[in-house]
PDB file of all heavy atoms in Angstrom:
ATOM      1  N   LEU A   1       7.873  19.179   5.585  1.00  0.00           N
ATOM      2  CA  LEU A   1       8.195  19.210   4.159  1.00  0.00           C
ATOM      3  C   LEU A   1       8.771  20.573   3.783  1.00  0.00           C
ATOM      4  O   LEU A   1       8.432  21.612   4.359  1.00  0.00           O
ATOM      5  CB  LEU A   1       6.954  18.898   3.341  1.00  0.00           C
ATOM      6  CG  LEU A   1       6.301  17.536   3.664  1.00  0.00           C
ATOM      7  CD1 LEU A   1       5.070  17.316   2.824  1.00  0.00           C
ATOM      8  CD2 LEU A   1       7.309  16.410   3.457  1.00  0.00           C
ATOM      9  N   SER A   2       9.659  20.603   2.788  1.00  0.00           N
ATOM     10  CA  SER A   2      10.473  21.770   2.471  1.00  0.00           C
ATOM     11  C   SER A   2       9.661  22.986   2.050  1.00  0.00           C
ATOM     12  O   SER A   2       9.920  24.107   2.486  1.00  0.00           O
ATOM     13  CB  SER A   2      11.482  21.416   1.374  1.00  0.00           C
ATOM     14  OG  SER A   2      12.287  20.336   1.783  1.00  0.00           O
ATOM     15  N   SER A   3       8.695  22.781   1.147  1.00  0.00           N
ATOM     16  CA  SER A   3       7.916  23.892   0.617  1.00  0.00           C
ATOM     17  C   SER A   3       6.572  23.373   0.138  1.00  0.00           C
ATOM     18  O   SER A   3       6.398  22.152  -0.039  1.00  0.00           O
ATOM     19  CB  SER A   3       8.663  24.556  -0.553  1.00  0.00           C
ATOM     20  OG  SER A   3       8.729  23.652  -1.655  1.00  0.00           O
ATOM     21  N   PRO A   4       5.621  24.259  -0.099  1.00  0.00           N
ATOM     22  CA  PRO A   4       4.323  23.798  -0.612  1.00  0.00           C
ATOM     23  C   PRO A   4       4.451  23.035  -1.925  1.00  0.00           C
ATOM     24  O   PRO A   4       3.828  21.989  -2.103  1.00  0.00           O
ATOM     25  CB  PRO A   4       3.541  25.103  -0.790  1.00  0.00           C
ATOM     26  CG  PRO A   4       4.130  26.029   0.227  1.00  0.00           C
ATOM     27  CD  PRO A   4       5.589  25.693   0.261  1.00  0.00           C
ATOM     28  N   GLN A   5       5.275  23.562  -2.839  1.00  0.00           N
ATOM     29  CA  GLN A   5       5.433  22.866  -4.117  1.00  0.00           C
ATOM     30  C   GLN A   5       6.105  21.506  -3.930  1.00  0.00           C
ATOM     31  O   GLN A   5       5.715  20.509  -4.542  1.00  0.00           O
ATOM     32  CB  GLN A   5       6.250  23.729  -5.085  1.00  0.00           C
ATOM     33  CG  GLN A   5       5.483  24.933  -5.625  1.00  0.00           C
ATOM     34  CD  GLN A   5       6.275  25.692  -6.662  1.00  0.00           C
ATOM     35  OE1 GLN A   5       7.503  25.773  -6.579  1.00  0.00           O
ATOM     36  NE2 GLN A   5       5.585  26.254  -7.646  1.00  0.00           N
ATOM     37  N   SER A   6       7.110  21.445  -3.101  1.00  0.00           N
ATOM     38  CA  SER A   6       7.797  20.177  -2.840  1.00  0.00           C
ATOM     39  C   SER A   6       6.852  19.161  -2.215  1.00  0.00           C
ATOM     40  O   SER A   6       6.898  17.971  -2.539  1.00  0.00           O
ATOM     41  CB  SER A   6       8.994  20.416  -1.925  1.00  0.00           C
ATOM     42  OG  SER A   6       9.589  19.197  -1.548  1.00  0.00           O
ATOM     43  N   ALA A   7       5.992  19.645  -1.320  1.00  0.00           N
ATOM     44  CA  ALA A   7       5.037  18.750  -0.666  1.00  0.00           C
ATOM     45  C   ALA A   7       4.082  18.130  -1.676  1.00  0.00           C
ATOM     46  O   ALA A   7       3.806  16.923  -1.644  1.00  0.00           O
ATOM     47  CB  ALA A   7       4.263  19.518   0.396  1.00  0.00           C
ATOM     48  N   ILE A   8       3.594  18.981  -2.602  1.00  0.00           N
ATOM     49  CA  ILE A   8       2.634  18.482  -3.596  1.00  0.00           C
ATOM     50  C   ILE A   8       3.302  17.499  -4.551  1.00  0.00           C
ATOM     51  O   ILE A   8       2.779  16.418  -4.833  1.00  0.00           O
ATOM     52  CB  ILE A   8       2.026  19.674  -4.361  1.00  0.00           C
ATOM     53  CG1 ILE A   8       1.171  20.511  -3.406  1.00  0.00           C
ATOM     54  CG2 ILE A   8       1.193  19.179  -5.543  1.00  0.00           C
ATOM     55  CD1 ILE A   8       0.682  21.812  -3.995  1.00  0.00           C
ATOM     56  N   ILE A   9       4.486  17.874  -5.041  1.00  0.00           N
ATOM     57  CA  ILE A   9       5.194  16.977  -5.969  1.00  0.00           C
ATOM     58  C   ILE A   9       5.542  15.659  -5.280  1.00  0.00           C
ATOM     59  O   ILE A   9       5.406  14.575  -5.861  1.00  0.00           O
ATOM     60  CB  ILE A   9       6.468  17.664  -6.505  1.00  0.00           C
ATOM     61  CG1 ILE A   9       6.090  18.838  -7.404  1.00  0.00           C
ATOM     62  CG2 ILE A   9       7.330  16.670  -7.267  1.00  0.00           C
ATOM     63  CD1 ILE A   9       7.283  19.631  -7.896  1.00  0.00           C
ATOM     64  N   SER A  10       5.985  15.717  -4.035  1.00  0.00           N
ATOM     65  CA  SER A  10       6.360  14.501  -3.309  1.00  0.00           C
ATOM     66  C   SER A  10       5.169  13.575  -3.139  1.00  0.00           C
ATOM     67  O   SER A  10       5.298  12.341  -3.272  1.00  0.00           O
ATOM     68  CB  SER A  10       6.935  14.873  -1.938  1.00  0.00           C
ATOM     69  OG  SER A  10       8.102  15.653  -2.077  1.00  0.00           O
ATOM     70  N   ALA A  11       3.999  14.142  -2.852  1.00  0.00           N
ATOM     71  CA  ALA A  11       2.799  13.311  -2.687  1.00  0.00           C
ATOM     72  C   ALA A  11       2.409  12.651  -4.004  1.00  0.00           C
ATOM     73  O   ALA A  11       2.024  11.477  -4.043  1.00  0.00           O
ATOM     74  CB  ALA A  11       1.647  14.156  -2.148  1.00  0.00           C
ATOM     75  N   VAL A  12       2.519  13.417  -5.098  1.00  0.00           N
ATOM     76  CA  VAL A  12       2.166  12.861  -6.420  1.00  0.00           C
ATOM     77  C   VAL A  12       3.139  11.759  -6.812  1.00  0.00           C
ATOM     78  O   VAL A  12       2.738  10.707  -7.334  1.00  0.00           O
ATOM     79  CB  VAL A  12       2.151  13.984  -7.480  1.00  0.00           C
ATOM     80  CG1 VAL A  12       1.981  13.391  -8.876  1.00  0.00           C
ATOM     81  CG2 VAL A  12       1.031  14.970  -7.198  1.00  0.00           C
ATOM     82  N   ILE A  13       4.437  11.984  -6.583  1.00  0.00           N
ATOM     83  CA  ILE A  13       5.435  10.960  -6.930  1.00  0.00           C
ATOM     84  C   ILE A  13       5.216   9.701  -6.093  1.00  0.00           C
ATOM     85  O   ILE A  13       5.258   8.579  -6.614  1.00  0.00           O
ATOM     86  CB  ILE A  13       6.860  11.511  -6.726  1.00  0.00           C
ATOM     87  CG1 ILE A  13       7.145  12.618  -7.737  1.00  0.00           C
ATOM     88  CG2 ILE A  13       7.891  10.390  -6.853  1.00  0.00           C
ATOM     89  CD1 ILE A  13       8.495  13.290  -7.547  1.00  0.00           C
ATOM     90  N   PHE A  14       4.996   9.897  -4.778  1.00  0.00           N
ATOM     91  CA  PHE A  14       4.742   8.724  -3.932  1.00  0.00           C
ATOM     92  C   PHE A  14       3.497   7.989  -4.406  1.00  0.00           C
ATOM     93  O   PHE A  14       3.460   6.747  -4.431  1.00  0.00           O
ATOM     94  CB  PHE A  14       4.563   9.150  -2.475  1.00  0.00           C
ATOM     95  CG  PHE A  14       4.194   8.016  -1.560  1.00  0.00           C
ATOM     96  CD1 PHE A  14       5.169   7.177  -1.045  1.00  0.00           C
ATOM     97  CD2 PHE A  14       2.862   7.758  -1.247  1.00  0.00           C
ATOM     98  CE1 PHE A  14       4.832   6.111  -0.226  1.00  0.00           C
ATOM     99  CE2 PHE A  14       2.520   6.694  -0.429  1.00  0.00           C
ATOM    100  CZ  PHE A  14       3.506   5.868   0.086  1.00  0.00           C
ATOM    101  N   ASN A  15       2.482   8.730  -4.817  1.00  0.00           N
ATOM    102  CA  ASN A  15       1.232   8.128  -5.276  1.00  0.00           C
ATOM    103  C   ASN A  15       1.462   7.219  -6.477  1.00  0.00           C
ATOM    104  O   ASN A  15       0.809   6.182  -6.616  1.00  0.00           O
ATOM    105  CB  ASN A  15       0.234   9.239  -5.624  1.00  0.00           C
ATOM    106  CG  ASN A  15      -1.178   8.717  -5.769  1.00  0.00           C
ATOM    107  OD1 ASN A  15      -1.770   8.211  -4.824  1.00  0.00           O
ATOM    108  ND2 ASN A  15      -1.716   8.830  -6.975  1.00  0.00           N
ATOM    109  N   ALA A  16       2.406   7.612  -7.341  1.00  0.00           N
ATOM    110  CA  ALA A  16       2.714   6.788  -8.517  1.00  0.00           C
ATOM    111  C   ALA A  16       3.628   5.623  -8.157  1.00  0.00           C
ATOM    112  O   ALA A  16       3.411   4.477  -8.580  1.00  0.00           O
ATOM    113  CB  ALA A  16       3.360   7.651  -9.599  1.00  0.00           C
ATOM    114  N   LEU A  17       4.668   5.906  -7.347  1.00  0.00           N
ATOM    115  CA  LEU A  17       5.650   4.861  -7.033  1.00  0.00           C
ATOM    116  C   LEU A  17       5.081   3.762  -6.155  1.00  0.00           C
ATOM    117  O   LEU A  17       5.526   2.611  -6.227  1.00  0.00           O
ATOM    118  CB  LEU A  17       6.874   5.489  -6.354  1.00  0.00           C
ATOM    119  CG  LEU A  17       7.728   6.412  -7.213  1.00  0.00           C
ATOM    120  CD1 LEU A  17       8.920   6.935  -6.418  1.00  0.00           C
ATOM    121  CD2 LEU A  17       8.215   5.682  -8.472  1.00  0.00           C
ATOM    122  N   VAL A  18       4.100   4.087  -5.304  1.00  0.00           N
ATOM    123  CA  VAL A  18       3.556   3.064  -4.422  1.00  0.00           C
ATOM    124  C   VAL A  18       2.845   1.979  -5.220  1.00  0.00           C
ATOM    125  O   VAL A  18       2.770   0.826  -4.802  1.00  0.00           O
ATOM    126  CB  VAL A  18       2.612   3.692  -3.366  1.00  0.00           C
ATOM    127  CG1 VAL A  18       1.279   4.089  -3.990  1.00  0.00           C
ATOM    128  CG2 VAL A  18       2.381   2.721  -2.209  1.00  0.00           C
ATOM    129  N   ILE A  19       2.335   2.367  -6.402  1.00  0.00           N
ATOM    130  CA  ILE A  19       1.697   1.363  -7.268  1.00  0.00           C
ATOM    131  C   ILE A  19       2.724   0.318  -7.688  1.00  0.00           C
ATOM    132  O   ILE A  19       2.491  -0.889  -7.593  1.00  0.00           O
ATOM    133  CB  ILE A  19       1.079   2.044  -8.508  1.00  0.00           C
ATOM    134  CG1 ILE A  19      -0.058   2.973  -8.083  1.00  0.00           C
ATOM    135  CG2 ILE A  19       0.573   0.994  -9.499  1.00  0.00           C
ATOM    136  CD1 ILE A  19      -0.608   3.818  -9.219  1.00  0.00           C
ATOM    137  N   VAL A  20       3.899   0.795  -8.134  1.00  0.00           N
ATOM    138  CA  VAL A  20       4.961  -0.128  -8.549  1.00  0.00           C
ATOM    139  C   VAL A  20       5.486  -0.919  -7.353  1.00  0.00           C
ATOM    140  O   VAL A  20       5.752  -2.116  -7.440  1.00  0.00           O
ATOM    141  CB  VAL A  20       6.105   0.653  -9.224  1.00  0.00           C
ATOM    142  CG1 VAL A  20       7.217  -0.294  -9.651  1.00  0.00           C
ATOM    143  CG2 VAL A  20       5.584   1.428 -10.421  1.00  0.00           C
ATOM    144  N   ALA A  21       5.610  -0.242  -6.209  1.00  0.00           N
ATOM    145  CA  ALA A  21       6.162  -0.904  -5.020  1.00  0.00           C
ATOM    146  C   ALA A  21       5.271  -2.027  -4.516  1.00  0.00           C
ATOM    147  O   ALA A  21       5.762  -3.007  -3.933  1.00  0.00           O
ATOM    148  CB  ALA A  21       6.372   0.135  -3.916  1.00  0.00           C
ATOM    149  N   LEU A  22       3.964  -1.901  -4.735  1.00  0.00           N
ATOM    150  CA  LEU A  22       3.039  -2.910  -4.217  1.00  0.00           C
ATOM    151  C   LEU A  22       2.800  -4.063  -5.194  1.00  0.00           C
ATOM    152  O   LEU A  22       2.149  -5.040  -4.836  1.00  0.00           O
ATOM    153  CB  LEU A  22       1.700  -2.260  -3.862  1.00  0.00           C
ATOM    154  CG  LEU A  22       1.702  -1.376  -2.609  1.00  0.00           C
ATOM    155  CD1 LEU A  22       0.356  -0.702  -2.434  1.00  0.00           C
ATOM    156  CD2 LEU A  22       2.056  -2.200  -1.376  1.00  0.00           C
ATOM    157  N   ILE A  23       3.318  -3.948  -6.412  1.00  0.00           N
ATOM    158  CA  ILE A  23       3.127  -5.040  -7.374  1.00  0.00           C
ATOM    159  C   ILE A  23       3.702  -6.361  -6.869  1.00  0.00           C
ATOM    160  O   ILE A  23       3.074  -7.413  -7.018  1.00  0.00           O
ATOM    161  CB  ILE A  23       3.710  -4.652  -8.751  1.00  0.00           C
ATOM    162  CG1 ILE A  23       2.773  -3.646  -9.430  1.00  0.00           C
ATOM    163  CG2 ILE A  23       3.883  -5.878  -9.634  1.00  0.00           C
ATOM    164  CD1 ILE A  23       3.253  -3.175 -10.792  1.00  0.00           C
ATOM    165  N   PRO A  24       4.900  -6.390  -6.239  1.00  0.00           N
ATOM    166  CA  PRO A  24       5.391  -7.677  -5.706  1.00  0.00           C
ATOM    167  C   PRO A  24       4.428  -8.324  -4.718  1.00  0.00           C
ATOM    168  O   PRO A  24       4.250  -9.546  -4.732  1.00  0.00           O
ATOM    169  CB  PRO A  24       6.712  -7.290  -5.037  1.00  0.00           C
ATOM    170  CG  PRO A  24       7.167  -6.086  -5.773  1.00  0.00           C
ATOM    171  CD  PRO A  24       5.919  -5.329  -6.105  1.00  0.00           C
ATOM    172  N   LEU A  25       3.803  -7.512  -3.850  1.00  0.00           N
ATOM    173  CA  LEU A  25       2.836  -8.077  -2.911  1.00  0.00           C
ATOM    174  C   LEU A  25       1.618  -8.606  -3.661  1.00  0.00           C
ATOM    175  O   LEU A  25       1.077  -9.663  -3.325  1.00  0.00           O
ATOM    176  CB  LEU A  25       2.411  -7.023  -1.889  1.00  0.00           C
ATOM    177  CG  LEU A  25       1.336  -7.471  -0.879  1.00  0.00           C
ATOM    178  CD1 LEU A  25       1.834  -8.653  -0.054  1.00  0.00           C
ATOM    179  CD2 LEU A  25       0.948  -6.310   0.036  1.00  0.00           C
ATOM    180  N   ALA A  26       1.206  -7.866  -4.690  1.00  0.00           N
ATOM    181  CA  ALA A  26       0.063  -8.324  -5.484  1.00  0.00           C
ATOM    182  C   ALA A  26       0.384  -9.634  -6.190  1.00  0.00           C
ATOM    183  O   ALA A  26      -0.470 -10.516  -6.316  1.00  0.00           O
ATOM    184  CB  ALA A  26      -0.327  -7.251  -6.504  1.00  0.00           C
ATOM    185  N   ILE A  27       1.624  -9.789  -6.643  1.00  0.00           N
ATOM    186  CA  ILE A  27       2.029 -11.023  -7.324  1.00  0.00           C
ATOM    187  C   ILE A  27       2.125 -12.181  -6.334  1.00  0.00           C
ATOM    188  O   ILE A  27       1.609 -13.273  -6.575  1.00  0.00           O
ATOM    189  CB  ILE A  27       3.378 -10.823  -8.032  1.00  0.00           C
ATOM    190  CG1 ILE A  27       3.235  -9.798  -9.160  1.00  0.00           C
ATOM    191  CG2 ILE A  27       3.897 -12.149  -8.585  1.00  0.00           C
ATOM    192  CD1 ILE A  27       4.534  -9.465  -9.844  1.00  0.00           C
ATOM    193  N   ARG A  28       2.796 -11.934  -5.229  1.00  0.00           N
ATOM    194  CA  ARG A  28       2.976 -13.006  -4.241  1.00  0.00           C
ATOM    195  C   ARG A  28       1.658 -13.348  -3.568  1.00  0.00           C
ATOM    196  O   ARG A  28       1.367 -14.510  -3.289  1.00  0.00           O
ATOM    197  CB  ARG A  28       4.017 -12.565  -3.212  1.00  0.00           C
ATOM    198  CG  ARG A  28       4.381 -13.654  -2.206  1.00  0.00           C
ATOM    199  CD  ARG A  28       5.456 -13.177  -1.249  1.00  0.00           C
ATOM    200  NE  ARG A  28       4.989 -12.088  -0.406  1.00  0.00           N
ATOM    201  CZ  ARG A  28       5.366 -10.835  -0.527  1.00  0.00           C
ATOM    202  NH1 ARG A  28       6.218 -10.487  -1.480  1.00  0.00           N
ATOM    203  NH2 ARG A  28       4.888  -9.900   0.277  1.00  0.00           N
ATOM    204  N   GLY A  29       0.868 -12.339  -3.286  1.00  0.00           N
ATOM    205  CA  GLY A  29      -0.422 -12.553  -2.636  1.00  0.00           C
ATOM    206  C   GLY A  29      -0.297 -12.651  -1.130  1.00  0.00           C
ATOM    207  O   GLY A  29       0.730 -13.075  -0.594  1.00  0.00           O
ATOM    208  N   VAL A  30      -1.344 -12.232  -0.460  1.00  0.00           N
ATOM    209  CA  VAL A  30      -1.416 -12.387   0.987  1.00  0.00           C
ATOM    210  C   VAL A  30      -1.699 -13.849   1.295  1.00  0.00           C
ATOM    211  O   VAL A  30      -2.552 -14.470   0.663  1.00  0.00           O
ATOM    212  CB  VAL A  30      -2.518 -11.482   1.578  1.00  0.00           C
ATOM    213  CG1 VAL A  30      -2.648 -11.698   3.082  1.00  0.00           C
ATOM    214  CG2 VAL A  30      -2.221 -10.027   1.267  1.00  0.00           C
ATOM    215  N   ARG A  31      -1.008 -14.401   2.249  1.00  0.00           N
ATOM    216  CA  ARG A  31      -1.147 -15.827   2.552  1.00  0.00           C
ATOM    217  C   ARG A  31      -2.577 -16.167   2.943  1.00  0.00           C
ATOM    218  O   ARG A  31      -3.206 -15.468   3.734  1.00  0.00           O
ATOM    219  CB  ARG A  31      -0.196 -16.221   3.686  1.00  0.00           C
ATOM    220  CG  ARG A  31      -0.210 -17.711   3.990  1.00  0.00           C
ATOM    221  CD  ARG A  31       0.807 -18.061   5.064  1.00  0.00           C
ATOM    222  NE  ARG A  31       0.772 -19.473   5.378  1.00  0.00           N
ATOM    223  CZ  ARG A  31       1.523 -20.046   6.311  1.00  0.00           C
ATOM    224  NH1 ARG A  31       2.392 -19.309   6.989  1.00  0.00           N
ATOM    225  NH2 ARG A  31       1.430 -21.343   6.549  1.00  0.00           N
ATOM    226  N   TYR A  32      -3.089 -17.256   2.329  1.00  0.00           N
ATOM    227  CA  TYR A  32      -4.466 -17.681   2.591  1.00  0.00           C
ATOM    228  C   TYR A  32      -4.504 -18.646   3.767  1.00  0.00           C
ATOM    229  O   TYR A  32      -3.860 -19.687   3.755  1.00  0.00           O
ATOM    230  CB  TYR A  32      -5.067 -18.347   1.355  1.00  0.00           C
ATOM    231  CG  TYR A  32      -6.377 -19.052   1.622  1.00  0.00           C
ATOM    232  CD1 TYR A  32      -7.509 -18.338   2.016  1.00  0.00           C
ATOM    233  CD2 TYR A  32      -6.492 -20.437   1.480  1.00  0.00           C
ATOM    234  CE1 TYR A  32      -8.706 -18.968   2.261  1.00  0.00           C
ATOM    235  CE2 TYR A  32      -7.687 -21.082   1.718  1.00  0.00           C
ATOM    236  CZ  TYR A  32      -8.790 -20.351   2.112  1.00  0.00           C
ATOM    237  OH  TYR A  32      -9.982 -20.979   2.354  1.00  0.00           O
ATOM    238  N   ARG A  33      -5.226 -18.271   4.799  1.00  0.00           N
ATOM    239  CA  ARG A  33      -5.446 -19.153   5.943  1.00  0.00           C
ATOM    240  C   ARG A  33      -6.945 -19.244   6.195  1.00  0.00           C
ATOM    241  O   ARG A  33      -7.586 -18.214   6.422  1.00  0.00           O
ATOM    242  CB  ARG A  33      -4.767 -18.602   7.206  1.00  0.00           C
ATOM    243  CG  ARG A  33      -3.259 -18.539   7.171  1.00  0.00           C
ATOM    244  CD  ARG A  33      -2.726 -18.176   8.551  1.00  0.00           C
ATOM    245  NE  ARG A  33      -1.278 -17.998   8.563  1.00  0.00           N
ATOM    246  CZ  ARG A  33      -0.670 -16.837   8.435  1.00  0.00           C
ATOM    247  NH1 ARG A  33      -1.397 -15.745   8.275  1.00  0.00           N
ATOM    248  NH2 ARG A  33       0.649 -16.758   8.462  1.00  0.00           N
ATOM    249  N   PRO A  34      -7.514 -20.449   6.141  1.00  0.00           N
ATOM    250  CA  PRO A  34      -8.939 -20.573   6.449  1.00  0.00           C
ATOM    251  C   PRO A  34      -9.226 -20.074   7.862  1.00  0.00           C
ATOM    252  O   PRO A  34      -8.703 -20.611   8.843  1.00  0.00           O
ATOM    253  CB  PRO A  34      -9.194 -22.085   6.332  1.00  0.00           C
ATOM    254  CG  PRO A  34      -8.091 -22.591   5.456  1.00  0.00           C
ATOM    255  CD  PRO A  34      -6.901 -21.726   5.781  1.00  0.00           C
ATOM    256  N   THR A  35     -10.004 -19.019   7.974  1.00  0.00           N
ATOM    257  CA  THR A  35     -10.310 -18.439   9.277  1.00  0.00           C
ATOM    258  C   THR A  35     -11.620 -17.679   9.182  1.00  0.00           C
ATOM    259  O   THR A  35     -12.186 -17.517   8.100  1.00  0.00           O
ATOM    260  CB  THR A  35      -9.173 -17.505   9.741  1.00  0.00           C
ATOM    261  OG1 THR A  35      -9.458 -17.042  11.050  1.00  0.00           O
ATOM    262  CG2 THR A  35      -9.026 -16.318   8.808  1.00  0.00           C
ATOM    263  N   SER A  36     -12.092 -17.182  10.305  1.00  0.00           N
ATOM    264  CA  SER A  36     -13.350 -16.445  10.325  1.00  0.00           C
ATOM    265  C   SER A  36     -13.169 -15.067   9.710  1.00  0.00           C
ATOM    266  O   SER A  36     -12.062 -14.523   9.671  1.00  0.00           O
ATOM    267  CB  SER A  36     -13.855 -16.312  11.761  1.00  0.00           C
ATOM    268  OG  SER A  36     -12.978 -15.507  12.520  1.00  0.00           O
ATOM    269  N   ALA A  37     -14.277 -14.485   9.254  1.00  0.00           N
ATOM    270  CA  ALA A  37     -14.218 -13.172   8.620  1.00  0.00           C
ATOM    271  C   ALA A  37     -13.763 -12.099   9.603  1.00  0.00           C
ATOM    272  O   ALA A  37     -13.023 -11.176   9.241  1.00  0.00           O
ATOM    273  CB  ALA A  37     -15.589 -12.817   8.045  1.00  0.00           C
ATOM    274  N   SER A  38     -14.166 -12.216  10.870  1.00  0.00           N
ATOM    275  CA  SER A  38     -13.790 -11.204  11.864  1.00  0.00           C
ATOM    276  C   SER A  38     -12.287 -11.221  12.123  1.00  0.00           C
ATOM    277  O   SER A  38     -11.644 -10.170  12.218  1.00  0.00           O
ATOM    278  CB  SER A  38     -14.551 -11.443  13.170  1.00  0.00           C
ATOM    279  OG  SER A  38     -14.259 -12.730  13.690  1.00  0.00           O
ATOM    280  N   LYS A  39     -11.700 -12.419  12.224  1.00  0.00           N
ATOM    281  CA  LYS A  39     -10.259 -12.509  12.442  1.00  0.00           C
ATOM    282  C   LYS A  39      -9.493 -11.983  11.236  1.00  0.00           C
ATOM    283  O   LYS A  39      -8.461 -11.323  11.371  1.00  0.00           O
ATOM    284  CB  LYS A  39      -9.857 -13.952  12.736  1.00  0.00           C
ATOM    285  CG  LYS A  39     -10.322 -14.465  14.096  1.00  0.00           C
ATOM    286  CD  LYS A  39      -9.823 -15.876  14.340  1.00  0.00           C
ATOM    287  CE  LYS A  39     -10.248 -16.389  15.713  1.00  0.00           C
ATOM    288  NZ  LYS A  39      -9.773 -17.778  15.951  1.00  0.00           N
ATOM    289  N   LEU A  40     -10.019 -12.292  10.067  1.00  0.00           N
ATOM    290  CA  LEU A  40      -9.372 -11.829   8.844  1.00  0.00           C
ATOM    291  C   LEU A  40      -9.409 -10.303   8.763  1.00  0.00           C
ATOM    292  O   LEU A  40      -8.416  -9.657   8.402  1.00  0.00           O
ATOM    293  CB  LEU A  40     -10.065 -12.440   7.631  1.00  0.00           C
ATOM    294  CG  LEU A  40      -9.434 -12.171   6.268  1.00  0.00           C
ATOM    295  CD1 LEU A  40      -8.026 -12.723   6.213  1.00  0.00           C
ATOM    296  CD2 LEU A  40     -10.291 -12.787   5.175  1.00  0.00           C
ATOM    297  N   LEU A  41     -10.539  -9.717   9.134  1.00  0.00           N
ATOM    298  CA  LEU A  41     -10.664  -8.259   9.116  1.00  0.00           C
ATOM    299  C   LEU A  41      -9.701  -7.615  10.115  1.00  0.00           C
ATOM    300  O   LEU A  41      -9.030  -6.624   9.797  1.00  0.00           O
ATOM    301  CB  LEU A  41     -12.105  -7.858   9.426  1.00  0.00           C
ATOM    302  CG  LEU A  41     -12.386  -6.353   9.495  1.00  0.00           C
ATOM    303  CD1 LEU A  41     -12.077  -5.694   8.157  1.00  0.00           C
ATOM    304  CD2 LEU A  41     -13.842  -6.112   9.900  1.00  0.00           C
ATOM    305  N   SER A  42      -9.628  -8.168  11.320  1.00  0.00           N
ATOM    306  CA  SER A  42      -8.728  -7.619  12.341  1.00  0.00           C
ATOM    307  C   SER A  42      -7.279  -7.671  11.876  1.00  0.00           C
ATOM    308  O   SER A  42      -6.506  -6.718  12.065  1.00  0.00           O
ATOM    309  CB  SER A  42      -8.881  -8.397  13.649  1.00  0.00           C
ATOM    310  OG  SER A  42     -10.209  -8.309  14.138  1.00  0.00           O
ATOM    311  N   ARG A  43      -6.901  -8.781  11.272  1.00  0.00           N
ATOM    312  CA  ARG A  43      -5.522  -8.945  10.791  1.00  0.00           C
ATOM    313  C   ARG A  43      -5.206  -7.921   9.705  1.00  0.00           C
ATOM    314  O   ARG A  43      -4.143  -7.289   9.714  1.00  0.00           O
ATOM    315  CB  ARG A  43      -5.342 -10.362  10.258  1.00  0.00           C
ATOM    316  CG  ARG A  43      -3.968 -10.662   9.676  1.00  0.00           C
ATOM    317  CD  ARG A  43      -3.852 -12.132   9.314  1.00  0.00           C
ATOM    318  NE  ARG A  43      -2.589 -12.430   8.666  1.00  0.00           N
ATOM    319  CZ  ARG A  43      -2.393 -12.404   7.356  1.00  0.00           C
ATOM    320  NH1 ARG A  43      -3.418 -12.107   6.557  1.00  0.00           N
ATOM    321  NH2 ARG A  43      -1.221 -12.683   6.825  1.00  0.00           N
ATOM    322  N   ASN A  44      -6.123  -7.748   8.752  1.00  0.00           N
ATOM    323  CA  ASN A  44      -5.886  -6.800   7.664  1.00  0.00           C
ATOM    324  C   ASN A  44      -5.797  -5.365   8.177  1.00  0.00           C
ATOM    325  O   ASN A  44      -4.975  -4.569   7.716  1.00  0.00           O
ATOM    326  CB  ASN A  44      -6.995  -6.910   6.609  1.00  0.00           C
ATOM    327  CG  ASN A  44      -6.779  -8.089   5.680  1.00  0.00           C
ATOM    328  OD1 ASN A  44      -5.732  -8.722   5.706  1.00  0.00           O
ATOM    329  ND2 ASN A  44      -7.775  -8.402   4.874  1.00  0.00           N
TER     330      ASN A  44
END
């Protein structure tokens, strides 16, 4: 990263933008497949 200030600002901006970026996944949802809890955990 370019500088300490740039690193901090970049992390804060990414922290905010990732919320917006993940909204489509939250809307669409992770596909539901009936399976065991262990398999589901491994997949996630």
